[in-house]
Each structure stands twice: as C-alpha cells, then as structure tokens.
Amino acid sequence: MKSTYEDLHRLFRDSITAREIAEPLAAFDANQPSEKVKGFMEAKGFDVVGVSSDGTMLGYVQIEDLKIGLLKEYTKPFSDRTLLDEKTPLLETLGKLSEEDFVFLRFLGAPSAIVTRSDLQKAPVRMWLFGIISILEMQLLQLIKNEAEEDWWKDLLSLERQKDAQKIYKLRLEKKEEIGLVDCLQFGDKMTIFKKTDALFERTGFSSKKDWKSTMVKIESLRNNLAHSNEIREDSWPEKIDLAIRIEELVVLLEGG
C-alpha cells in the first residue's frame, strides 16, 4: 500500500505542471506608444504584457505603470524570482504565487506565458488540490488500520460519530461493497483518532495537537469547497497556497513512516 500511495503521489506531483494553467503572454514592440498598449490591456482585462524587440522578449510592463511615451520607457526586466520553466511542478508554482502576483514561464528558453493567481481557479489546480488531500486521507486511514486490532479506535469517537459510521457501513454493505467499519470514517473522525492516539500523532510531525486540529479543519473545509465546486476567493489564495504546501509536506512525511 505504501508504494501505491507513493506512485499516486508522484503522479499528482509530477504530471500537473505550471504549463497546464498558463496563458500565452501577449507581447508588443518596445517602440509602441504606451497609451495604445494600455488601451488594449484595459479592453482585454490584462494587468501585464510582454515587451519585445526584433523578436526577442525584453521584459514586461504592468498596466498601472503606463503613462505617456513609448513602451520601452516602462519596461521591467524578467528576474529569476518570477521566471519559471514550463515543466515546473504545480506545488513549486503555487509557492511562487504565494509571494508574487504573477510568474512567467519559459518555453524553449524564452518567456512566452504567464500564470497569475486568477489562474489558480482552473480545473488542474482544483484537481491537484483534491487529489493531494485524498492521498493524505488514504494515508491516515491506512495508518489507523495498521495500528492495532480491528475497530480499536471506536472508543475514541463520540457515540454520535460511531453511529454515523455504522449508518454508512450498513448502507455500503447493502450495496455489496466489501469494506470494514473503519472505511466508513469521515475526515474529522480520522483527525480525532490521530489527535487522541499519541503513537499516531507523533507520526504527523506536529508539535501541538491544537495546531493539528486547526490545520485539519482547514484541510477538510478546502476539500469540501473543492468537492462542491465552490469558487475560492482570490484574496484567500495566499493562505490556501500555504495550506497546500503543508499538506504536501505531511504526505511526504507519512510516506516515510
């Protein structure tokens, strides 16, 4: 099972890259009037466009900087801080976007695409987030199964939570599914079991059970939003990116256990 989780994790980590959410970078000649370019950007809703000369990309301009004159007067050079390869893993791209409003992608060595925080609403990002949370949940379940005898965890949950698990178990048995009661635990149940079991909690790397509960509640809320296709507010993305990085770190830590 451990290798299965690792393979699935590797698929999500390596297969979904920055290029899957990038948009082509519109570019204008450096000698174009900035007022004309600004009008284009306003019409298209662009905040950033590239600047080129003789087919070579020189840098970029931001709409709020443009005034009277030529585009080259307002051009900013590309920097390593905001320039990524097209095959950069999505997690690394998210990490950059927690610090920057946008990043540029190199295709065949030249900057020719852009990723902004608004691109984080796209399906590949949502698929990646839901996938990595699902992998984490599967890892938690497997560790619970490995800990001791069958259904050892029941007394750690309230009677109400035990009854809910029993209801799900009964419904799934009626559908002829070959499962155990433990497979009917909800995300919050697994969080509680880990919180109340020292041997399991130590595997998480968290120093505080309060921090563990707070983080897991946020992860569960994010998973539910993704499952119901709820839009994630753009101003909340820095927090969500930090949470995604923490999920990834936890998945890697549990893989090593």
C-alpha atoms as a PDB file:
ATOM      1  CA  MET A   1       0.000   0.000   0.000  1.00  0.00           C
ATOM      2  CA  LYS A   2       2.858   2.358   0.809  1.00  0.00           C
ATOM      3  CA  SER A   3       4.257   2.085  -2.722  1.00  0.00           C
ATOM      4  CA  THR A   4       0.755   2.571  -4.153  1.00  0.00           C
ATOM      5  CA  TYR A   5       0.359   5.862  -2.297  1.00  0.00           C
ATOM      6  CA  GLU A   6       3.834   6.952  -3.347  1.00  0.00           C
ATOM      7  CA  ASP A   7       3.091   6.191  -7.002  1.00  0.00           C
ATOM      8  CA  LEU A   8      -0.188   8.103  -6.851  1.00  0.00           C
ATOM      9  CA  HIS A   9       1.511  10.991  -5.092  1.00  0.00           C
ATOM     10  CA  ARG A  10       4.249  11.052  -7.735  1.00  0.00           C
ATOM     11  CA  LEU A  11       1.586  11.186 -10.460  1.00  0.00           C
ATOM     12  CA  PHE A  12      -0.032  14.282  -8.949  1.00  0.00           C
ATOM     13  CA  ARG A  13       3.299  15.885  -8.081  1.00  0.00           C
ATOM     14  CA  ASP A  14       4.988  15.472 -11.444  1.00  0.00           C
ATOM     15  CA  SER A  15       2.227  15.267 -14.051  1.00  0.00           C
ATOM     16  CA  ILE A  16       0.410  18.532 -13.311  1.00  0.00           C
ATOM     17  CA  THR A  17       2.819  21.377 -14.014  1.00  0.00           C
ATOM     18  CA  ALA A  18       2.781  25.126 -14.498  1.00  0.00           C
ATOM     19  CA  ARG A  19       2.096  24.818 -18.222  1.00  0.00           C
ATOM     20  CA  GLU A  20      -1.339  23.280 -17.540  1.00  0.00           C
ATOM     21  CA  ILE A  21      -2.640  26.559 -16.103  1.00  0.00           C
ATOM     22  CA  ALA A  22      -0.571  29.111 -18.044  1.00  0.00           C
ATOM     23  CA  GLU A  23      -1.878  31.639 -20.564  1.00  0.00           C
ATOM     24  CA  PRO A  24       0.091  32.959 -23.573  1.00  0.00           C
ATOM     25  CA  LEU A  25       1.912  36.183 -22.778  1.00  0.00           C
ATOM     26  CA  ALA A  26       0.680  38.938 -25.106  1.00  0.00           C
ATOM     27  CA  ALA A  27       3.655  40.982 -26.299  1.00  0.00           C
ATOM     28  CA  PHE A  28       4.189  44.363 -28.004  1.00  0.00           C
ATOM     29  CA  ASP A  29       7.137  46.017 -29.660  1.00  0.00           C
ATOM     30  CA  ALA A  30       9.159  48.245 -27.337  1.00  0.00           C
ATOM     31  CA  ASN A  31       8.564  51.255 -29.603  1.00  0.00           C
ATOM     32  CA  GLN A  32       4.768  51.045 -29.419  1.00  0.00           C
ATOM     33  CA  PRO A  33       3.012  54.043 -27.786  1.00  0.00           C
ATOM     34  CA  SER A  34       2.258  53.106 -24.198  1.00  0.00           C
ATOM     35  CA  GLU A  35      -1.190  54.752 -24.368  1.00  0.00           C
ATOM     36  CA  LYS A  36      -2.194  52.410 -27.206  1.00  0.00           C
ATOM     37  CA  VAL A  37      -0.970  49.332 -25.340  1.00  0.00           C
ATOM     38  CA  LYS A  38      -2.711  50.454 -22.165  1.00  0.00           C
ATOM     39  CA  GLY A  39      -5.985  50.740 -24.094  1.00  0.00           C
ATOM     40  CA  PHE A  40      -5.545  47.180 -25.338  1.00  0.00           C
ATOM     41  CA  MET A  41      -4.819  45.932 -21.830  1.00  0.00           C
ATOM     42  CA  GLU A  42      -7.879  47.669 -20.419  1.00  0.00           C
ATOM     43  CA  ALA A  43     -10.073  46.170 -23.139  1.00  0.00           C
ATOM     44  CA  LYS A  44      -8.736  42.650 -22.536  1.00  0.00           C
ATOM     45  CA  GLY A  45      -8.504  42.880 -18.759  1.00  0.00           C
ATOM     46  CA  PHE A  46      -4.730  42.307 -18.811  1.00  0.00           C
ATOM     47  CA  ASP A  47      -2.560  43.577 -15.977  1.00  0.00           C
ATOM     48  CA  VAL A  48       0.730  42.503 -17.568  1.00  0.00           C
ATOM     49  CA  VAL A  49       2.035  42.164 -21.144  1.00  0.00           C
ATOM     50  CA  GLY A  50       5.437  41.344 -22.565  1.00  0.00           C
ATOM     51  CA  VAL A  51       7.726  43.771 -24.395  1.00  0.00           C
ATOM     52  CA  SER A  52       9.840  42.633 -27.354  1.00  0.00           C
ATOM     53  CA  SER A  53      12.305  43.994 -29.870  1.00  0.00           C
ATOM     54  CA  ASP A  54      13.283  42.282 -33.130  1.00  0.00           C
ATOM     55  CA  GLY A  55      11.588  39.094 -31.966  1.00  0.00           C
ATOM     56  CA  THR A  56      13.421  38.981 -28.626  1.00  0.00           C
ATOM     57  CA  MET A  57      11.452  39.289 -25.401  1.00  0.00           C
ATOM     58  CA  LEU A  58      12.988  42.105 -23.350  1.00  0.00           C
ATOM     59  CA  GLY A  59      10.737  42.179 -20.314  1.00  0.00           C
ATOM     60  CA  TYR A  60       7.237  43.204 -19.307  1.00  0.00           C
ATOM     61  CA  VAL A  61       5.075  46.165 -18.337  1.00  0.00           C
ATOM     62  CA  GLN A  62       2.273  46.493 -15.807  1.00  0.00           C
ATOM     63  CA  ILE A  63      -0.807  48.492 -16.656  1.00  0.00           C
ATOM     64  CA  GLU A  64      -0.614  50.738 -13.589  1.00  0.00           C
ATOM     65  CA  ASP A  65       2.844  51.966 -14.651  1.00  0.00           C
ATOM     66  CA  LEU A  66       1.922  53.069 -18.165  1.00  0.00           C
ATOM     67  CA  LYS A  67       1.736  56.792 -18.915  1.00  0.00           C
ATOM     68  CA  ILE A  68       2.608  58.907 -21.973  1.00  0.00           C
ATOM     69  CA  GLY A  69       5.582  57.736 -24.019  1.00  0.00           C
ATOM     70  CA  LEU A  70       6.958  54.563 -25.560  1.00  0.00           C
ATOM     71  CA  LEU A  71       6.552  51.127 -24.080  1.00  0.00           C
ATOM     72  CA  LYS A  72      10.301  50.678 -23.613  1.00  0.00           C
ATOM     73  CA  GLU A  73      10.326  53.513 -21.080  1.00  0.00           C
ATOM     74  CA  TYR A  74       8.239  51.432 -18.683  1.00  0.00           C
ATOM     75  CA  THR A  75       9.715  48.006 -19.341  1.00  0.00           C
ATOM     76  CA  LYS A  76      10.861  45.888 -16.399  1.00  0.00           C
ATOM     77  CA  PRO A  77      13.378  43.071 -16.968  1.00  0.00           C
ATOM     78  CA  PHE A  78      12.491  39.484 -16.196  1.00  0.00           C
ATOM     79  CA  SER A  79      14.005  38.219 -12.955  1.00  0.00           C
ATOM     80  CA  ASP A  80      14.812  34.764 -11.660  1.00  0.00           C
ATOM     81  CA  ARG A  81      12.286  35.375  -8.894  1.00  0.00           C
ATOM     82  CA  THR A  82       9.356  35.370 -11.317  1.00  0.00           C
ATOM     83  CA  LEU A  83      10.715  33.251 -14.184  1.00  0.00           C
ATOM     84  CA  LEU A  84       9.977  29.513 -14.202  1.00  0.00           C
ATOM     85  CA  ASP A  85      10.384  26.627 -16.597  1.00  0.00           C
ATOM     86  CA  GLU A  86       7.208  25.353 -18.264  1.00  0.00           C
ATOM     87  CA  LYS A  87       7.638  21.971 -16.530  1.00  0.00           C
ATOM     88  CA  THR A  88       7.874  23.437 -13.040  1.00  0.00           C
ATOM     89  CA  PRO A  89       5.722  21.289 -10.699  1.00  0.00           C
ATOM     90  CA  LEU A  90       2.460  22.866  -9.679  1.00  0.00           C
ATOM     91  CA  LEU A  91       3.416  22.912  -5.994  1.00  0.00           C
ATOM     92  CA  GLU A  92       6.534  24.982  -6.714  1.00  0.00           C
ATOM     93  CA  THR A  93       4.454  27.296  -8.888  1.00  0.00           C
ATOM     94  CA  LEU A  94       1.971  27.749  -6.065  1.00  0.00           C
ATOM     95  CA  GLY A  95       4.837  28.551  -3.719  1.00  0.00           C
ATOM     96  CA  LYS A  96       6.000  31.322  -6.047  1.00  0.00           C
ATOM     97  CA  LEU A  97       2.473  32.714  -6.303  1.00  0.00           C
ATOM     98  CA  SER A  98       2.259  32.955  -2.537  1.00  0.00           C
ATOM     99  CA  GLU A  99       4.958  35.635  -2.835  1.00  0.00           C
ATOM    100  CA  GLU A 100       4.235  37.122  -6.284  1.00  0.00           C
ATOM    101  CA  ASP A 101       1.066  38.194  -8.105  1.00  0.00           C
ATOM    102  CA  PHE A 102       2.276  36.515 -11.308  1.00  0.00           C
ATOM    103  CA  VAL A 103       5.097  34.407 -12.744  1.00  0.00           C
ATOM    104  CA  PHE A 104       6.357  33.921 -16.294  1.00  0.00           C
ATOM    105  CA  LEU A 105       7.079  30.597 -17.978  1.00  0.00           C
ATOM    106  CA  ARG A 106       9.893  29.805 -20.376  1.00  0.00           C
ATOM    107  CA  PHE A 107       9.019  27.715 -23.426  1.00  0.00           C
ATOM    108  CA  LEU A 108      12.106  26.650 -25.385  1.00  0.00           C
ATOM    109  CA  GLY A 109      14.127  29.017 -23.222  1.00  0.00           C
ATOM    110  CA  ALA A 110      12.128  32.172 -23.919  1.00  0.00           C
ATOM    111  CA  PRO A 111       9.484  33.796 -21.675  1.00  0.00           C
ATOM    112  CA  SER A 112       6.217  33.294 -23.509  1.00  0.00           C
ATOM    113  CA  ALA A 113       3.488  32.502 -20.967  1.00  0.00           C
ATOM    114  CA  ILE A 114       2.175  33.870 -17.703  1.00  0.00           C
ATOM    115  CA  VAL A 115       0.451  32.438 -14.626  1.00  0.00           C
ATOM    116  CA  THR A 116      -1.473  34.713 -12.247  1.00  0.00           C
ATOM    117  CA  ARG A 117      -3.402  33.999  -9.078  1.00  0.00           C
ATOM    118  CA  SER A 118      -6.643  34.086 -11.068  1.00  0.00           C
ATOM    119  CA  ASP A 119      -5.386  31.001 -12.927  1.00  0.00           C
ATOM    120  CA  LEU A 120      -5.496  29.077  -9.651  1.00  0.00           C
ATOM    121  CA  GLN A 121      -9.264  28.674 -10.125  1.00  0.00           C
ATOM    122  CA  LYS A 122      -8.630  26.430 -13.134  1.00  0.00           C
ATOM    123  CA  ALA A 123      -9.545  22.750 -13.118  1.00  0.00           C
ATOM    124  CA  PRO A 124      -5.959  21.361 -12.984  1.00  0.00           C
ATOM    125  CA  VAL A 125      -5.264  23.228  -9.722  1.00  0.00           C
ATOM    126  CA  ARG A 126      -8.530  22.112  -8.171  1.00  0.00           C
ATOM    127  CA  MET A 127      -7.886  18.536  -9.310  1.00  0.00           C
ATOM    128  CA  TRP A 128      -4.400  18.628  -7.829  1.00  0.00           C
ATOM    129  CA  LEU A 129      -5.590  20.013  -4.509  1.00  0.00           C
ATOM    130  CA  PHE A 130      -8.422  17.493  -4.216  1.00  0.00           C
ATOM    131  CA  GLY A 131      -6.084  14.685  -5.246  1.00  0.00           C
ATOM    132  CA  ILE A 132      -3.382  15.508  -2.709  1.00  0.00           C
ATOM    133  CA  ILE A 133      -5.986  15.810   0.070  1.00  0.00           C
ATOM    134  CA  SER A 134      -7.423  12.430  -0.960  1.00  0.00           C
ATOM    135  CA  ILE A 135      -3.953  10.878  -0.807  1.00  0.00           C
ATOM    136  CA  LEU A 136      -3.491  12.320   2.680  1.00  0.00           C
ATOM    137  CA  GLU A 137      -6.832  10.918   3.804  1.00  0.00           C
ATOM    138  CA  MET A 138      -5.941   7.477   2.428  1.00  0.00           C
ATOM    139  CA  GLN A 139      -2.644   7.585   4.302  1.00  0.00           C
ATOM    140  CA  LEU A 140      -4.385   8.467   7.568  1.00  0.00           C
ATOM    141  CA  LEU A 141      -6.827   5.606   7.091  1.00  0.00           C
ATOM    142  CA  GLN A 142      -4.096   3.081   6.358  1.00  0.00           C
ATOM    143  CA  LEU A 143      -2.123   4.103   9.438  1.00  0.00           C
ATOM    144  CA  ILE A 144      -5.245   3.680  11.575  1.00  0.00           C
ATOM    145  CA  LYS A 145      -5.746   0.216  10.100  1.00  0.00           C
ATOM    146  CA  ASN A 146      -2.135  -0.697  10.805  1.00  0.00           C
ATOM    147  CA  GLU A 147      -2.138   0.464  14.418  1.00  0.00           C
ATOM    148  CA  ALA A 148      -3.863  -2.371  16.276  1.00  0.00           C
ATOM    149  CA  GLU A 149      -6.755  -4.843  16.210  1.00  0.00           C
ATOM    150  CA  GLU A 150      -9.851  -4.191  14.141  1.00  0.00           C
ATOM    151  CA  ASP A 151     -12.071  -1.294  15.308  1.00  0.00           C
ATOM    152  CA  TRP A 152      -9.684  -0.432  18.162  1.00  0.00           C
ATOM    153  CA  TRP A 153     -10.431   3.245  17.590  1.00  0.00           C
ATOM    154  CA  LYS A 154     -14.177   3.173  18.382  1.00  0.00           C
ATOM    155  CA  ASP A 155     -13.935   4.414  21.977  1.00  0.00           C
ATOM    156  CA  LEU A 156     -12.008   7.486  20.795  1.00  0.00           C
ATOM    157  CA  LEU A 157     -15.094   8.791  18.988  1.00  0.00           C
ATOM    158  CA  SER A 158     -18.337  10.085  20.408  1.00  0.00           C
ATOM    159  CA  LEU A 159     -21.387   7.808  20.285  1.00  0.00           C
ATOM    160  CA  GLU A 160     -22.875  10.091  17.626  1.00  0.00           C
ATOM    161  CA  ARG A 161     -19.809   9.733  15.398  1.00  0.00           C
ATOM    162  CA  GLN A 162     -19.815   5.951  15.923  1.00  0.00           C
ATOM    163  CA  LYS A 163     -23.492   5.790  14.915  1.00  0.00           C
ATOM    164  CA  ASP A 164     -22.800   7.828  11.772  1.00  0.00           C
ATOM    165  CA  ALA A 165     -20.034   5.420  10.786  1.00  0.00           C
ATOM    166  CA  GLN A 166     -22.375   2.472  11.437  1.00  0.00           C
ATOM    167  CA  LYS A 167     -25.062   4.009   9.206  1.00  0.00           C
ATOM    168  CA  ILE A 168     -22.614   4.441   6.341  1.00  0.00           C
ATOM    169  CA  TYR A 169     -21.287   0.920   6.908  1.00  0.00           C
ATOM    170  CA  LYS A 170     -24.796  -0.552   6.710  1.00  0.00           C
ATOM    171  CA  LEU A 171     -25.639   1.345   3.518  1.00  0.00           C
ATOM    172  CA  ARG A 172     -22.445   0.243   1.830  1.00  0.00           C
ATOM    173  CA  LEU A 173     -22.978  -3.381   2.877  1.00  0.00           C
ATOM    174  CA  GLU A 174     -26.414  -3.252   1.267  1.00  0.00           C
ATOM    175  CA  LYS A 175     -24.633  -2.253  -1.946  1.00  0.00           C
ATOM    176  CA  LYS A 176     -22.474  -5.394  -1.617  1.00  0.00           C
ATOM    177  CA  GLU A 177     -19.292  -3.402  -1.001  1.00  0.00           C
ATOM    178  CA  GLU A 178     -16.532  -5.363   0.724  1.00  0.00           C
ATOM    179  CA  ILE A 179     -15.429  -2.924   3.410  1.00  0.00           C
ATOM    180  CA  GLY A 180     -14.860  -2.661   7.121  1.00  0.00           C
ATOM    181  CA  LEU A 181     -16.327  -0.202   9.591  1.00  0.00           C
ATOM    182  CA  VAL A 182     -13.049   1.730   9.597  1.00  0.00           C
ATOM    183  CA  ASP A 183     -13.536   2.509   5.893  1.00  0.00           C
ATOM    184  CA  CYS A 184     -16.653   4.481   6.818  1.00  0.00           C
ATOM    185  CA  LEU A 185     -14.829   7.021   8.973  1.00  0.00           C
ATOM    186  CA  GLN A 186     -15.136  10.644   7.923  1.00  0.00           C
ATOM    187  CA  PHE A 187     -12.245  13.086   7.619  1.00  0.00           C
ATOM    188  CA  GLY A 188     -12.981  14.597  11.031  1.00  0.00           C
ATOM    189  CA  ASP A 189     -13.055  11.137  12.631  1.00  0.00           C
ATOM    190  CA  LYS A 190      -9.547  10.390  11.408  1.00  0.00           C
ATOM    191  CA  MET A 191      -8.379  13.759  12.690  1.00  0.00           C
ATOM    192  CA  THR A 192      -9.784  12.920  16.137  1.00  0.00           C
ATOM    193  CA  ILE A 193      -8.255   9.441  16.229  1.00  0.00           C
ATOM    194  CA  PHE A 194      -4.817  10.818  15.414  1.00  0.00           C
ATOM    195  CA  LYS A 195      -5.234  13.581  17.974  1.00  0.00           C
ATOM    196  CA  LYS A 196      -6.112  11.110  20.726  1.00  0.00           C
ATOM    197  CA  THR A 197      -3.530   8.457  19.852  1.00  0.00           C
ATOM    198  CA  ASP A 198      -0.002   9.510  20.786  1.00  0.00           C
ATOM    199  CA  ALA A 199       1.728   6.952  18.554  1.00  0.00           C
ATOM    200  CA  LEU A 200      -0.183   8.196  15.522  1.00  0.00           C
ATOM    201  CA  PHE A 201       0.069  11.863  16.413  1.00  0.00           C
ATOM    202  CA  GLU A 202       3.864  11.607  16.639  1.00  0.00           C
ATOM    203  CA  ARG A 203       3.898  10.451  13.000  1.00  0.00           C
ATOM    204  CA  THR A 204       2.424  13.770  11.844  1.00  0.00           C
ATOM    205  CA  GLY A 205       5.358  15.925  12.893  1.00  0.00           C
ATOM    206  CA  PHE A 206       3.039  18.448  14.594  1.00  0.00           C
ATOM    207  CA  SER A 207       4.289  19.775  17.906  1.00  0.00           C
ATOM    208  CA  SER A 208       0.838  20.871  19.075  1.00  0.00           C
ATOM    209  CA  LYS A 209      -2.443  18.958  18.977  1.00  0.00           C
ATOM    210  CA  LYS A 210      -4.225  22.306  18.798  1.00  0.00           C
ATOM    211  CA  ASP A 211      -2.274  23.152  15.639  1.00  0.00           C
ATOM    212  CA  TRP A 212      -3.054  19.692  14.240  1.00  0.00           C
ATOM    213  CA  LYS A 213      -6.795  20.145  14.758  1.00  0.00           C
ATOM    214  CA  SER A 214      -6.784  23.680  13.347  1.00  0.00           C
ATOM    215  CA  THR A 215      -4.867  22.598  10.237  1.00  0.00           C
ATOM    216  CA  MET A 216      -7.003  19.529   9.613  1.00  0.00           C
ATOM    217  CA  VAL A 217     -10.221  21.556   9.951  1.00  0.00           C
ATOM    218  CA  LYS A 218      -8.883  23.928   7.273  1.00  0.00           C
ATOM    219  CA  ILE A 219      -7.961  20.984   5.032  1.00  0.00           C
ATOM    220  CA  GLU A 220     -11.421  19.473   5.434  1.00  0.00           C
ATOM    221  CA  SER A 221     -13.056  22.820   4.626  1.00  0.00           C
ATOM    222  CA  LEU A 222     -10.917  23.183   1.498  1.00  0.00           C
ATOM    223  CA  ARG A 223     -11.762  19.640   0.398  1.00  0.00           C
ATOM    224  CA  ASN A 224     -15.489  20.296   0.837  1.00  0.00           C
ATOM    225  CA  ASN A 225     -15.275  23.535  -1.159  1.00  0.00           C
ATOM    226  CA  LEU A 226     -13.474  21.721  -3.960  1.00  0.00           C
ATOM    227  CA  ALA A 227     -15.937  18.821  -3.918  1.00  0.00           C
ATOM    228  CA  HIS A 228     -18.870  21.205  -4.279  1.00  0.00           C
ATOM    229  CA  SER A 229     -17.127  23.307  -6.958  1.00  0.00           C
ATOM    230  CA  ASN A 230     -17.259  26.401  -4.781  1.00  0.00           C
ATOM    231  CA  GLU A 231     -15.104  29.254  -6.014  1.00  0.00           C
ATOM    232  CA  ILE A 232     -12.146  30.108  -3.806  1.00  0.00           C
ATOM    233  CA  ARG A 233     -11.870  33.838  -3.125  1.00  0.00           C
ATOM    234  CA  GLU A 234      -8.802  35.307  -4.797  1.00  0.00           C
ATOM    235  CA  ASP A 235      -7.759  37.122  -1.631  1.00  0.00           C
ATOM    236  CA  SER A 236      -7.674  33.792   0.226  1.00  0.00           C
ATOM    237  CA  TRP A 237      -5.186  32.138  -2.134  1.00  0.00           C
ATOM    238  CA  PRO A 238      -2.025  33.007  -0.164  1.00  0.00           C
ATOM    239  CA  GLU A 239      -3.495  31.141   2.816  1.00  0.00           C
ATOM    240  CA  LYS A 240      -4.651  28.253   0.610  1.00  0.00           C
ATOM    241  CA  ILE A 241      -1.216  28.002  -1.003  1.00  0.00           C
ATOM    242  CA  ASP A 242       0.443  27.796   2.407  1.00  0.00           C
ATOM    243  CA  LEU A 243      -2.057  25.086   3.340  1.00  0.00           C
ATOM    244  CA  ALA A 244      -1.324  23.141   0.126  1.00  0.00           C
ATOM    245  CA  ILE A 245       2.399  23.244   0.901  1.00  0.00           C
ATOM    246  CA  ARG A 246       1.715  21.936   4.395  1.00  0.00           C
ATOM    247  CA  ILE A 247      -0.459  19.120   3.011  1.00  0.00           C
ATOM    248  CA  GLU A 248       2.322  18.124   0.639  1.00  0.00           C
ATOM    249  CA  GLU A 249       4.866  18.122   3.478  1.00  0.00           C
ATOM    250  CA  LEU A 250       2.579  15.949   5.603  1.00  0.00           C
ATOM    251  CA  VAL A 251       2.020  13.481   2.762  1.00  0.00           C
ATOM    252  CA  VAL A 252       5.777  13.159   2.244  1.00  0.00           C
ATOM    253  CA  LEU A 253       6.351  12.730   5.992  1.00  0.00           C
ATOM    254  CA  LEU A 254       3.723   9.976   6.273  1.00  0.00           C
ATOM    255  CA  GLU A 255       5.172   8.235   3.205  1.00  0.00           C
ATOM    256  CA  GLY A 256       8.434   7.893   5.065  1.00  0.00           C
ATOM    257  CA  GLY A 257       6.750   6.263   8.029  1.00  0.00           C
END
